[in-house]
Every structure is written in structure tokens, then in C-alpha cells.
C-alpha atoms as a PDB file:
ATOM      1  CA  MET A   1      21.579 -22.496  28.797  1.00  0.00           C
ATOM      2  CA  SER A   2      23.098 -20.052  26.351  1.00  0.00           C
ATOM      3  CA  SER A   3      26.070 -23.190  26.004  1.00  0.00           C
ATOM      4  CA  GLY A   4      23.428 -25.118  25.628  1.00  0.00           C
ATOM      5  CA  VAL A   5      21.741 -23.653  23.081  1.00  0.00           C
ATOM      6  CA  ALA A   6      25.249 -23.392  21.100  1.00  0.00           C
ATOM      7  CA  ILE A   7      26.230 -26.902  21.291  1.00  0.00           C
ATOM      8  CA  SER A   8      22.600 -27.772  19.730  1.00  0.00           C
ATOM      9  CA  SER A   9      22.607 -29.682  16.705  1.00  0.00           C
ATOM     10  CA  THR A  10      19.107 -27.251  15.958  1.00  0.00           C
ATOM     11  CA  CYS A  11      18.270 -23.839  17.012  1.00  0.00           C
ATOM     12  CA  PRO A  12      14.822 -23.110  19.058  1.00  0.00           C
ATOM     13  CA  GLY A  13      12.209 -21.053  17.537  1.00  0.00           C
ATOM     14  CA  LEU A  14      10.932 -20.460  14.137  1.00  0.00           C
ATOM     15  CA  TYR A  15      13.235 -17.293  13.161  1.00  0.00           C
ATOM     16  CA  CYS A  16      16.826 -18.109  15.264  1.00  0.00           C
ATOM     17  CA  GLY A  17      19.865 -19.232  13.458  1.00  0.00           C
ATOM     18  CA  ARG A  18      23.506 -19.374  13.337  1.00  0.00           C
ATOM     19  CA  ILE A  19      25.596 -17.411  10.847  1.00  0.00           C
ATOM     20  CA  MET A  20      27.657 -19.026   8.182  1.00  0.00           C
ATOM     21  CA  VAL A  21      31.218 -17.685   7.399  1.00  0.00           C
ATOM     22  CA  ASN A  22      33.741 -19.100   4.779  1.00  0.00           C
ATOM     23  CA  GLY A  23      31.160 -22.147   4.215  1.00  0.00           C
ATOM     24  CA  THR A  24      31.303 -22.946   8.008  1.00  0.00           C
ATOM     25  CA  VAL A  25      28.888 -22.520  10.266  1.00  0.00           C
ATOM     26  CA  GLU A  26      29.900 -20.349  13.855  1.00  0.00           C
ATOM     27  CA  GLY A  27      28.616 -18.995  16.524  1.00  0.00           C
ATOM     28  CA  GLU A  28      25.390 -20.123  18.723  1.00  0.00           C
ATOM     29  CA  CYS A  29      22.029 -19.631  17.679  1.00  0.00           C
ATOM     30  CA  GLY A  30      20.642 -15.873  17.573  1.00  0.00           C
ATOM     31  CA  VAL A  31      19.343 -13.001  15.281  1.00  0.00           C
ATOM     32  CA  CYS A  32      20.320 -13.546  11.658  1.00  0.00           C
ATOM     33  CA  PRO A  33      22.163 -10.008  10.097  1.00  0.00           C
ATOM     34  CA  ARG A  34      19.691  -8.046   8.167  1.00  0.00           C
ATOM     35  CA  GLY A  35      18.972  -9.537   4.609  1.00  0.00           C
ATOM     36  CA  GLU A  36      19.509 -12.872   5.699  1.00  0.00           C
ATOM     37  CA  ARG A  37      17.066 -15.858   7.658  1.00  0.00           C
ATOM     38  CA  ALA A  38      17.398 -18.822   8.713  1.00  0.00           C
ATOM     39  CA  ASN A  39      16.540 -21.828   6.554  1.00  0.00           C
ATOM     40  CA  ILE A  40      15.187 -25.203   7.522  1.00  0.00           C
ATOM     41  CA  GLU A  41      18.819 -26.462   8.710  1.00  0.00           C
ATOM     42  CA  LYS A  42      18.807 -23.050  11.311  1.00  0.00           C
ATOM     43  CA  VAL A  43      21.233 -21.360   8.927  1.00  0.00           C
ATOM     44  CA  CYS A  44      21.517 -17.532   8.424  1.00  0.00           C
ATOM     45  CA  GLN A  45      20.999 -17.541   4.510  1.00  0.00           C
ATOM     46  CA  ARG A  46      21.217 -14.265   2.332  1.00  0.00           C
ATOM     47  CA  CYS A  47      18.092 -13.450   0.626  1.00  0.00           C
ATOM     48  CA  THR A  48      19.058 -13.466  -3.026  1.00  0.00           C
ATOM     49  CA  GLU A  49      15.470 -14.635  -4.516  1.00  0.00           C
ATOM     50  CA  CYS A  50      13.764 -11.869  -6.583  1.00  0.00           C
ATOM     51  CA  PRO A  51      10.118 -10.624  -5.264  1.00  0.00           C
ATOM     52  CA  GLU A  52       7.239 -12.389  -6.897  1.00  0.00           C
ATOM     53  CA  LEU A  53       4.513 -10.386  -8.838  1.00  0.00           C
ATOM     54  CA  TYR A  54       2.090 -10.452  -5.971  1.00  0.00           C
ATOM     55  CA  ASP A  55       4.698  -8.818  -4.186  1.00  0.00           C
ATOM     56  CA  TRP A  56       5.144  -6.202  -6.366  1.00  0.00           C
ATOM     57  CA  LEU A  57       1.802  -5.717  -6.291  1.00  0.00           C
ATOM     58  CA  TYR A  58       1.679  -4.892  -2.679  1.00  0.00           C
ATOM     59  CA  LEU A  59       4.371  -2.835  -3.062  1.00  0.00           C
ATOM     60  CA  GLY A  60       2.373  -1.068  -5.394  1.00  0.00           C
ATOM     61  CA  PHE A  61      -0.540  -0.623  -3.230  1.00  0.00           C
ATOM     62  CA  MET A  62       1.458   0.902  -0.608  1.00  0.00           C
ATOM     63  CA  ALA A  63       3.229   3.249  -2.739  1.00  0.00           C
ATOM     64  CA  MET A  64      -0.217   4.452  -3.895  1.00  0.00           C
ATOM     65  CA  LEU A  65      -1.554   5.161  -0.771  1.00  0.00           C
ATOM     66  CA  PRO A  66       0.103   8.092  -0.057  1.00  0.00           C
ATOM     67  CA  LEU A  67      -0.729   9.383  -3.551  1.00  0.00           C
ATOM     68  CA  VAL A  68      -4.225   8.681  -3.574  1.00  0.00           C
ATOM     69  CA  LEU A  69      -4.551  10.014  -0.128  1.00  0.00           C
ATOM     70  CA  HIS A  70      -2.279  13.354  -1.708  1.00  0.00           C
ATOM     71  CA  TRP A  71      -5.286  13.478  -4.767  1.00  0.00           C
ATOM     72  CA  PHE A  72      -8.151  13.622  -2.483  1.00  0.00           C
ATOM     73  CA  PHE A  73      -6.795  16.347  -0.248  1.00  0.00           C
ATOM     74  CA  ILE A  74      -6.145  18.613  -2.781  1.00  0.00           C
ATOM     75  CA  GLU A  75      -9.046  18.008  -4.692  1.00  0.00           C
ATOM     76  CA  TRP A  76     -11.156  18.515  -0.908  1.00  0.00           C
ATOM     77  CA  TYR A  77      -9.467  21.643  -0.354  1.00  0.00           C
ATOM     78  CA  SER A  78      -9.013  23.485  -3.714  1.00  0.00           C
ATOM     79  CA  GLY A  79     -12.507  22.524  -5.185  1.00  0.00           C
ATOM     80  CA  LYS A  80     -13.511  25.063  -7.570  1.00  0.00           C
ATOM     81  CA  LYS A  81     -11.853  27.706  -5.838  1.00  0.00           C
ATOM     82  CA  SER A  82      -8.635  27.402  -7.778  1.00  0.00           C
ATOM     83  CA  SER A  83      -7.760  25.869 -10.888  1.00  0.00           C
ATOM     84  CA  SER A  84      -3.954  25.140  -9.745  1.00  0.00           C
ATOM     85  CA  ALA A  85      -5.355  21.763  -8.323  1.00  0.00           C
ATOM     86  CA  LEU A  86      -4.079  19.791 -11.369  1.00  0.00           C
ATOM     87  CA  LEU A  87      -0.879  21.247 -10.868  1.00  0.00           C
ATOM     88  CA  GLN A  88      -0.824  20.119  -7.662  1.00  0.00           C
ATOM     89  CA  HIS A  89      -1.655  16.842  -8.333  1.00  0.00           C
ATOM     90  CA  VAL A  90       0.975  16.758 -11.000  1.00  0.00           C
ATOM     91  CA  THR A  91       3.375  17.504  -8.503  1.00  0.00           C
ATOM     92  CA  ALA A  92       2.297  14.999  -5.927  1.00  0.00           C
ATOM     93  CA  MET A  93       2.651  12.272  -8.705  1.00  0.00           C
ATOM     94  CA  LEU A  94       6.531  13.378  -9.056  1.00  0.00           C
ATOM     95  CA  GLU A  95       6.999  13.534  -5.582  1.00  0.00           C
ATOM     96  CA  CYS A  96       5.665   9.642  -4.744  1.00  0.00           C
ATOM     97  CA  SER A  97       7.830   8.917  -8.139  1.00  0.00           C
ATOM     98  CA  VAL A  98      10.852  10.219  -7.195  1.00  0.00           C
ATOM     99  CA  SER A  99      10.381   8.761  -3.788  1.00  0.00           C
ATOM    100  CA  ALA A 100       9.740   5.658  -5.363  1.00  0.00           C
ATOM    101  CA  VAL A 101      12.478   5.540  -7.441  1.00  0.00           C
ATOM    102  CA  VAL A 102      15.319   6.573  -4.979  1.00  0.00           C
ATOM    103  CA  THR A 103      13.766   4.372  -2.408  1.00  0.00           C
ATOM    104  CA  LEU A 104      14.760   1.177  -4.916  1.00  0.00           C
ATOM    105  CA  LEU A 105      17.871   2.715  -5.853  1.00  0.00           C
ATOM    106  CA  LEU A 106      18.993   2.395  -2.116  1.00  0.00           C
ATOM    107  CA  THR A 107      17.843  -0.747  -1.973  1.00  0.00           C
ATOM    108  CA  GLU A 108      20.229  -3.800  -2.190  1.00  0.00           C
ATOM    109  CA  PRO A 109      21.683  -4.418  -4.909  1.00  0.00           C
ATOM    110  CA  VAL A 110      22.198  -0.738  -4.776  1.00  0.00           C
ATOM    111  CA  GLY A 111      22.318   1.549  -7.978  1.00  0.00           C
ATOM    112  CA  LYS A 112      19.889  -0.844  -9.481  1.00  0.00           C
ATOM    113  CA  LEU A 113      16.043  -0.755 -10.125  1.00  0.00           C
ATOM    114  CA  SER A 114      15.170  -4.102  -8.560  1.00  0.00           C
ATOM    115  CA  ILE A 115      15.603  -5.715  -5.147  1.00  0.00           C
ATOM    116  CA  ARG A 116      16.646  -8.944  -3.886  1.00  0.00           C
ATOM    117  CA  SER A 117      14.270 -10.294  -1.267  1.00  0.00           C
ATOM    118  CA  CYS A 118      13.239 -13.774   1.286  1.00  0.00           C
ATOM    119  CA  ARG A 119       9.891 -14.873   0.129  1.00  0.00           C
ATOM    120  CA  VAL A 120       7.097 -14.611   2.564  1.00  0.00           C
ATOM    121  CA  GLN A 121       6.180 -17.896   3.673  1.00  0.00           C
ATOM    122  CA  MET A 122       3.498 -17.454   6.518  1.00  0.00           C
ATOM    123  CA  LEU A 123       1.638 -14.396   8.781  1.00  0.00           C
ATOM    124  CA  SER A 124       4.209 -14.791  11.436  1.00  0.00           C
ATOM    125  CA  ASP A 125       7.411 -13.709   8.778  1.00  0.00           C
ATOM    126  CA  TRP A 126       5.806 -10.178   9.742  1.00  0.00           C
ATOM    127  CA  TYR A 127       5.729 -10.507  13.305  1.00  0.00           C
ATOM    128  CA  THR A 128       8.810 -12.286  14.364  1.00  0.00           C
ATOM    129  CA  MET A 129       9.285 -10.157  17.483  1.00  0.00           C
ATOM    130  CA  LEU A 130       6.175 -12.100  18.451  1.00  0.00           C
ATOM    131  CA  TYR A 131       8.056 -15.695  18.250  1.00  0.00           C
ATOM    132  CA  ASN A 132      11.351 -14.989  20.329  1.00  0.00           C
ATOM    133  CA  PRO A 133      11.988 -18.723  22.263  1.00  0.00           C
ATOM    134  CA  SER A 134      12.575 -19.408  25.648  1.00  0.00           C
ATOM    135  CA  PRO A 135      14.115 -22.388  25.746  1.00  0.00           C
ATOM    136  CA  ASP A 136      14.394 -23.022  29.383  1.00  0.00           C
ATOM    137  CA  TYR A 137      11.150 -20.994  30.124  1.00  0.00           C
ATOM    138  CA  VAL A 138      13.053 -18.103  31.780  1.00  0.00           C
ATOM    139  CA  ASN A 139      15.525 -16.431  29.530  1.00  0.00           C
ATOM    140  CA  THR A 140      14.767 -15.349  26.230  1.00  0.00           C
ATOM    141  CA  LEU A 141      16.539 -15.700  23.020  1.00  0.00           C
ATOM    142  CA  HIS A 142      15.660 -12.573  20.552  1.00  0.00           C
ATOM    143  CA  CYS A 143      15.702 -13.444  17.250  1.00  0.00           C
ATOM    144  CA  THR A 144      13.602 -10.635  16.041  1.00  0.00           C
ATOM    145  CA  GLN A 145      14.523  -9.780  12.298  1.00  0.00           C
ATOM    146  CA  GLU A 146      13.019  -8.782   8.987  1.00  0.00           C
ATOM    147  CA  ALA A 147      12.117 -12.312   7.584  1.00  0.00           C
ATOM    148  CA  VAL A 148      10.532 -10.541   4.969  1.00  0.00           C
ATOM    149  CA  TYR A 149      13.336  -8.315   3.794  1.00  0.00           C
ATOM    150  CA  PRO A 150      13.150  -6.081   2.500  1.00  0.00           C
ATOM    151  CA  LEU A 151       9.137  -5.840   2.181  1.00  0.00           C
ATOM    152  CA  TYR A 152       8.780  -4.130   5.866  1.00  0.00           C
ATOM    153  CA  THR A 153      11.210  -1.435   5.915  1.00  0.00           C
ATOM    154  CA  ILE A 154      11.310  -0.780   2.270  1.00  0.00           C
ATOM    155  CA  VAL A 155       7.728   0.742   2.491  1.00  0.00           C
ATOM    156  CA  LEU A 156       8.638   2.829   5.505  1.00  0.00           C
ATOM    157  CA  ILE A 157      11.813   4.391   3.885  1.00  0.00           C
ATOM    158  CA  TYR A 158      10.068   4.974   0.717  1.00  0.00           C
ATOM    159  CA  TYR A 159       7.481   7.164   3.121  1.00  0.00           C
ATOM    160  CA  ALA A 160      10.044   8.850   4.481  1.00  0.00           C
ATOM    161  CA  PHE A 161      11.236  10.288   1.255  1.00  0.00           C
ATOM    162  CA  CYS A 162       7.672  11.161   0.266  1.00  0.00           C
ATOM    163  CA  LEU A 163       7.272  13.368   3.642  1.00  0.00           C
ATOM    164  CA  VAL A 164      11.144  14.625   2.390  1.00  0.00           C
ATOM    165  CA  MET A 165      10.385  15.343  -1.073  1.00  0.00           C
ATOM    166  CA  MET A 166       7.113  16.842  -0.363  1.00  0.00           C
ATOM    167  CA  MET A 167       8.109  19.284   2.173  1.00  0.00           C
ATOM    168  CA  LEU A 168      10.979  20.485  -0.478  1.00  0.00           C
ATOM    169  CA  LEU A 169       8.539  21.284  -3.484  1.00  0.00           C
ATOM    170  CA  ARG A 170       5.138  21.833  -2.416  1.00  0.00           C
ATOM    171  CA  PRO A 171       5.129  24.550   0.050  1.00  0.00           C
ATOM    172  CA  LEU A 172       7.062  26.865  -2.690  1.00  0.00           C
ATOM    173  CA  LEU A 173       4.540  25.596  -5.378  1.00  0.00           C
ATOM    174  CA  VAL A 174       1.358  26.278  -3.906  1.00  0.00           C
ATOM    175  CA  LYS A 175       2.669  29.520  -2.557  1.00  0.00           C
ATOM    176  CA  LYS A 176       3.106  30.948  -6.334  1.00  0.00           C
ATOM    177  CA  ILE A 177       0.202  29.462  -7.894  1.00  0.00           C
ATOM    178  CA  ALA A 178      -2.739  29.089  -5.162  1.00  0.00           C
ATOM    179  CA  CYS A 179      -2.996  32.819  -4.974  1.00  0.00           C
ATOM    180  CA  GLY A 180      -6.781  32.061  -5.290  1.00  0.00           C
ATOM    181  CA  LEU A 181      -7.054  30.571  -2.144  1.00  0.00           C
ATOM    182  CA  GLY A 182      -6.661  32.505   1.437  1.00  0.00           C
ATOM    183  CA  LYS A 183      -3.182  31.940   3.383  1.00  0.00           C
ATOM    184  CA  THR A 184      -4.474  29.170   5.466  1.00  0.00           C
ATOM    185  CA  ASP A 185      -6.316  27.358   2.664  1.00  0.00           C
ATOM    186  CA  ARG A 186      -3.576  27.096   0.320  1.00  0.00           C
ATOM    187  CA  PHE A 187      -1.630  24.976   2.449  1.00  0.00           C
ATOM    188  CA  ARG A 188      -4.539  22.810   4.079  1.00  0.00           C
ATOM    189  CA  SER A 189      -3.941  19.877   1.725  1.00  0.00           C
ATOM    190  CA  ILE A 190      -0.373  19.960   2.794  1.00  0.00           C
ATOM    191  CA  TYR A 191      -1.427  19.954   6.507  1.00  0.00           C
ATOM    192  CA  ALA A 192      -3.479  16.525   5.887  1.00  0.00           C
ATOM    193  CA  ALA A 193      -0.612  15.136   4.758  1.00  0.00           C
ATOM    194  CA  LEU A 194       1.556  15.690   8.094  1.00  0.00           C
ATOM    195  CA  TYR A 195      -1.254  13.831   9.606  1.00  0.00           C
ATOM    196  CA  PHE A 196      -2.100  11.244   7.281  1.00  0.00           C
ATOM    197  CA  PHE A 197       1.648  10.252   6.991  1.00  0.00           C
ATOM    198  CA  PRO A 198       2.335   9.303  10.339  1.00  0.00           C
ATOM    199  CA  ILE A 199      -1.010   7.118  10.034  1.00  0.00           C
ATOM    200  CA  VAL A 200      -0.216   5.232   7.083  1.00  0.00           C
ATOM    201  CA  THR A 201       3.398   4.394   8.694  1.00  0.00           C
ATOM    202  CA  VAL A 202       1.880   3.282  11.972  1.00  0.00           C
ATOM    203  CA  LEU A 203      -0.254   1.114   9.835  1.00  0.00           C
ATOM    204  CA  GLN A 204       2.434  -0.582   7.956  1.00  0.00           C
ATOM    205  CA  ALA A 205       4.527  -0.938  11.363  1.00  0.00           C
ATOM    206  CA  VAL A 206       1.562  -2.597  12.952  1.00  0.00           C
ATOM    207  CA  GLY A 207      -0.573  -4.593  10.548  1.00  0.00           C
ATOM    208  CA  GLY A 208       1.750  -4.927   7.502  1.00  0.00           C
ATOM    209  CA  GLY A 209       1.072  -8.708   7.715  1.00  0.00           C
ATOM    210  CA  LEU A 210      -2.133  -8.001   7.761  1.00  0.00           C
ATOM    211  CA  LEU A 211      -2.062  -5.507   4.790  1.00  0.00           C
ATOM    212  CA  TYR A 212       0.071  -8.190   2.556  1.00  0.00           C
ATOM    213  CA  TYR A 213      -2.752 -10.997   2.652  1.00  0.00           C
ATOM    214  CA  ALA A 214      -5.812  -8.426   2.679  1.00  0.00           C
ATOM    215  CA  PHE A 215      -4.850  -5.959   0.386  1.00  0.00           C
ATOM    216  CA  PRO A 216      -6.465  -6.963  -2.590  1.00  0.00           C
ATOM    217  CA  TYR A 217     -10.185  -7.321  -1.179  1.00  0.00           C
ATOM    218  CA  ILE A 218      -9.198  -4.141   0.431  1.00  0.00           C
ATOM    219  CA  ILE A 219      -8.539  -2.052  -2.997  1.00  0.00           C
ATOM    220  CA  LEU A 220     -11.768  -3.925  -4.343  1.00  0.00           C
ATOM    221  CA  VAL A 221     -13.985  -2.546  -1.965  1.00  0.00           C
ATOM    222  CA  LEU A 222     -12.917   0.507  -1.070  1.00  0.00           C
ATOM    223  CA  SER A 223     -12.745   1.370  -5.211  1.00  0.00           C
ATOM    224  CA  LEU A 224     -16.621   0.300  -5.228  1.00  0.00           C
ATOM    225  CA  VAL A 225     -17.573   2.264  -2.481  1.00  0.00           C
ATOM    226  CA  THR A 226     -15.828   5.572  -3.483  1.00  0.00           C
ATOM    227  CA  LEU A 227     -16.891   4.842  -7.159  1.00  0.00           C
ATOM    228  CA  ALA A 228     -20.847   4.915  -6.100  1.00  0.00           C
ATOM    229  CA  VAL A 229     -20.247   7.767  -3.895  1.00  0.00           C
ATOM    230  CA  TYR A 230     -18.709   9.732  -6.206  1.00  0.00           C
ATOM    231  CA  MET A 231     -21.710   9.182  -8.603  1.00  0.00           C
ATOM    232  CA  SER A 232     -24.132   9.703  -6.155  1.00  0.00           C
ATOM    233  CA  ALA A 233     -22.625  12.934  -5.357  1.00  0.00           C
ATOM    234  CA  SER A 234     -22.515  13.972  -8.924  1.00  0.00           C
ATOM    235  CA  GLU A 235     -25.812  13.038  -9.337  1.00  0.00           C
ATOM    236  CA  ILE A 236     -24.944  10.947 -12.031  1.00  0.00           C
ATOM    237  CA  GLN A 237     -27.771   8.865 -13.585  1.00  0.00           C
ATOM    238  CA  SER A 238     -27.256   8.197 -16.840  1.00  0.00           C
ATOM    239  CA  LEU A 239     -24.004   7.218 -19.477  1.00  0.00           C
ATOM    240  CA  GLN A 240     -24.351  10.796 -21.144  1.00  0.00           C
ATOM    241  CA  SER A 241     -24.057  12.369 -17.807  1.00  0.00           C
ATOM    242  CA  LEU A 242     -21.193  10.378 -16.863  1.00  0.00           C
ATOM    243  CA  ILE A 243     -18.966  11.313 -20.440  1.00  0.00           C
ATOM    244  CA  SER A 244     -20.205  14.578 -20.593  1.00  0.00           C
ATOM    245  CA  LYS A 245     -17.225  16.047 -18.484  1.00  0.00           C
ATOM    246  CA  LYS A 246     -13.859  15.189 -18.795  1.00  0.00           C
ATOM    247  CA  LYS A 247     -13.243  15.224 -15.184  1.00  0.00           C
ATOM    248  CA  ARG A 248     -15.907  12.222 -14.844  1.00  0.00           C
ATOM    249  CA  LEU A 249     -14.354   9.983 -16.740  1.00  0.00           C
ATOM    250  CA  VAL A 250     -10.848  10.772 -15.397  1.00  0.00           C
ATOM    251  CA  VAL A 251     -12.629   9.653 -11.789  1.00  0.00           C
ATOM    252  CA  LEU A 252     -13.997   6.873 -13.641  1.00  0.00           C
ATOM    253  CA  PHE A 253     -11.429   4.973 -15.207  1.00  0.00           C
ATOM    254  CA  SER A 254      -9.164   5.462 -12.136  1.00  0.00           C
ATOM    255  CA  HIS A 255     -11.998   3.888 -10.267  1.00  0.00           C
ATOM    256  CA  TRP A 256     -11.451   1.119 -13.194  1.00  0.00           C
ATOM    257  CA  LEU A 257      -7.685   0.337 -12.875  1.00  0.00           C
ATOM    258  CA  LEU A 258      -8.363  -0.138  -9.175  1.00  0.00           C
ATOM    259  CA  HIS A 259     -10.658  -2.461  -9.962  1.00  0.00           C
ATOM    260  CA  GLY A 260      -8.603  -4.448 -12.182  1.00  0.00           C
ATOM    261  CA  TYR A 261      -5.581  -4.246  -9.989  1.00  0.00           C
ATOM    262  CA  GLY A 262      -7.785  -5.621  -7.074  1.00  0.00           C
ATOM    263  CA  ILE A 263      -8.886  -8.452  -9.283  1.00  0.00           C
ATOM    264  CA  ILE A 264      -5.776  -9.204 -10.805  1.00  0.00           C
ATOM    265  CA  SER A 265      -4.231  -9.224  -7.006  1.00  0.00           C
ATOM    266  CA  ILE A 266      -6.875 -11.960  -6.042  1.00  0.00           C
ATOM    267  CA  CYS A 267      -6.072 -13.929  -9.234  1.00  0.00           C
ATOM    268  CA  LEU A 268      -2.813 -14.069  -8.087  1.00  0.00           C
ATOM    269  CA  LEU A 269      -3.618 -16.151  -4.917  1.00  0.00           C
ATOM    270  CA  ASP A 270      -5.056 -18.864  -7.204  1.00  0.00           C
ATOM    271  CA  LYS A 271      -4.267 -19.245 -10.981  1.00  0.00           C
ATOM    272  CA  LEU A 272      -3.826 -16.150 -12.880  1.00  0.00           C
ATOM    273  CA  GLU A 273      -4.364 -17.837 -16.172  1.00  0.00           C
ATOM    274  CA  LEU A 274      -7.887 -19.131 -15.162  1.00  0.00           C
ATOM    275  CA  SER A 275      -9.014 -15.787 -13.984  1.00  0.00           C
ATOM    276  CA  LEU A 276      -8.403 -13.483 -16.357  1.00  0.00           C
ATOM    277  CA  PRO A 277     -11.317 -13.110 -17.900  1.00  0.00           C
ATOM    278  CA  LEU A 278     -12.875 -11.859 -14.612  1.00  0.00           C
ATOM    279  CA  LEU A 279     -11.275  -8.735 -15.604  1.00  0.00           C
ATOM    280  CA  ALA A 280     -14.281  -8.567 -18.138  1.00  0.00           C
ATOM    281  CA  LEU A 281     -16.577  -7.420 -15.268  1.00  0.00           C
ATOM    282  CA  VAL A 282     -14.524  -3.967 -14.399  1.00  0.00           C
ATOM    283  CA  PRO A 283     -17.428  -2.126 -16.005  1.00  0.00           C
ATOM    284  CA  GLY A 284     -20.016  -4.112 -14.528  1.00  0.00           C
ATOM    285  CA  PRO A 285     -20.252  -1.846 -11.219  1.00  0.00           C
ATOM    286  CA  THR A 286     -20.766   1.144 -12.677  1.00  0.00           C
ATOM    287  CA  LEU A 287     -23.334  -0.124 -15.527  1.00  0.00           C
ATOM    288  CA  PHE A 288     -25.316  -1.462 -12.869  1.00  0.00           C
ATOM    289  CA  TYR A 289     -25.657   1.707 -11.027  1.00  0.00           C
ATOM    290  CA  ILE A 290     -26.628   3.904 -13.986  1.00  0.00           C
ATOM    291  CA  ALA A 291     -29.254   0.763 -14.899  1.00  0.00           C
ATOM    292  CA  THR A 292     -30.701   1.099 -11.191  1.00  0.00           C
ATOM    293  CA  ALA A 293     -29.946   4.826  -9.873  1.00  0.00           C
ATOM    294  CA  LYS A 294     -33.341   5.928 -11.383  1.00  0.00           C
ATOM    295  CA  PHE A 295     -35.317   3.340  -9.150  1.00  0.00           C
ATOM    296  CA  THR A 296     -33.294   4.830  -6.254  1.00  0.00           C
ATOM    297  CA  GLU A 297     -33.843   8.612  -6.280  1.00  0.00           C
ATOM    298  CA  PRO A 298     -34.774   9.816  -3.131  1.00  0.00           C
ATOM    299  CA  THR A 299     -37.163  12.401  -4.532  1.00  0.00           C
ATOM    300  CA  ARG A 300     -39.179   9.340  -6.543  1.00  0.00           C
ATOM    301  CA  ILE A 301     -39.134   7.405  -3.837  1.00  0.00           C
ATOM    302  CA  LEU A 302     -40.789  10.255  -1.415  1.00  0.00           C
ATOM    303  CA  SER A 303     -43.427  11.544  -3.970  1.00  0.00           C
ATOM    304  CA  GLU A 304     -44.547   7.640  -4.637  1.00  0.00           C
ATOM    305  CA  GLY A 305     -45.048   7.692  -1.035  1.00  0.00           C
ATOM    306  CA  GLY A 306     -46.994  10.899  -0.813  1.00  0.00           C
ATOM    307  CA  SER A 307     -49.176   9.943  -3.547  1.00  0.00           C
ATOM    308  CA  ARG A 308     -49.918   6.412  -2.002  1.00  0.00           C
ATOM    309  CA  HIS A 309     -51.107   8.366   1.213  1.00  0.00           C
END
């Protein structure tokens, strides 16, 4: 059957193709080399396109994921016990920034802060291993490849560099500046990272395609929920209490940036120019929460319920 595939005018399956050498198509149908994918004529073609803005927003989301988790666990385990949290936050940002730059420099074209890619056409492009054809219904023609080059592997490489940078920088920093914490507590944010890095890696490996299409909605929903939880836990019920502390303003503007990031990403699925006015809605959830918080105060509800009885 392999000879039948070789002399066939077209290759079976969605991602099988023939390699082109010196302008002529040679060889049997099979997997395309890395950095190439089969075109309409079933010939392996080099990925030469620049990523679209939506692709960069997706990569930005996947790059922000470990950074936000770093910040969360640093804040969670440092809290009010240590004044070193800010420096750890800055170090985490430095680790992720350096990792991102190194990853871009090592991705083709090597040495440049730009990448060449194959355009994502459909969800199946992320899961080519599920689309290996069986021309004779017995033998499988294996054509598993990175059809979305390099959006799949570049994230995994970035996570690897993040982990290496963290293990090189953070333990020495924490040991010197986190003197107010116990020997176990001061390294808990690092231990947490050793747990969440495998999780986000598996998340990208298994659900990368789903995340590519769903990340704008994930950002929008999670940023709204976490902002509401933070304002509730901090007992913020007025605009004055919100702006009374710098830390609260930092958290607020960070969430607003995430709101805007999610809105722009969603708009790119349609027409960006017609949807930009939606950015004016970014402060909306915060203003709505402040306006309605006094009506949902638990003590007030309990007191009113008791007075009726």
C-alpha cells in the first residue's frame, strides 16, 4: 500500500504531504519536517508567515499564566509577615521576561525577536495525532506534526526556561531577604511553582487548541471573579476605601488591564475597529460592585431579617 500512496496524485489525510527538494516534489507521502506543513496540493511548504495579532495575544496569555501564579503564591505565603514580597514580585517578572526574550531569540529566525509561523486554520491543527489516515483501513500513515508551528512548542520551551531561571535566581534571593519568615515558609512560593509548572505544561500539551480559542473568555471571566473576591475580602464598599491604599489601586488597575486584554482578544475574532468602544466598559464591573455592595452586606441582611421577626 505504501507504493500506492507514493504514486498517488494526492496524499491521504489532512496533514500528510511530500517533501519538495530543489523545486521538485520527491518521496512518498508522510510527515512534513518541523517548520513546514502540507498545503492544498499536499506538498510540504515552509512556514513563512508572521503571527497575527491574535496569535501574539494568545502567546501573551500563556506567558502571563506562570507570572500571575508566581505573584499569587508570593503574596499568599508572604502576606504581612515579610516586606520582601515586592522584591520577589519584581524577580518573578524578571525571570519570566528573560525567559520570554531567550525563547524568542532561539526560535527561527534565530537571533531575532520575531518568529515565523504557520497560520492556524482550524482546531484540528493543534491535534494532528488524531488525524493520521489509514488508506487501506489496516496500516496507518503517521503524519503527526506541529501544524501550528511554533505556537505549540514555543510555550513549552518558555515554561522550561521559566523553571530554570526560577531555580537559579529565586532560592538565593529568598534566602537573603526573607529573614522574617521561617525556613520552611520562605520557600513555599518556590515549592508552589514546582507544582503549578507541570500543571500548566500538561494544560498546554493537552488543551492548547482549546485554550487558543477560549483564552479571551477565560481572561474576562477570571479577572471579573478574582476582582470581586478581592474587593469582598478587603471589605471595599466605597470609592474612598478603594483609593485609600496604593496596593488596592495596583490590584484594581491590574484587573482593568486584564479586562481590556480579554475584550481586545474577543474583538479580534470579529472586527476590532467596531468593537474598540467596548473598552469604555472596563471600569463598569468595579463601579457596579461599589454601587451595589451596601445592599448585599451580610450583617445588614441578617439585621433586617431579625427585625422582621
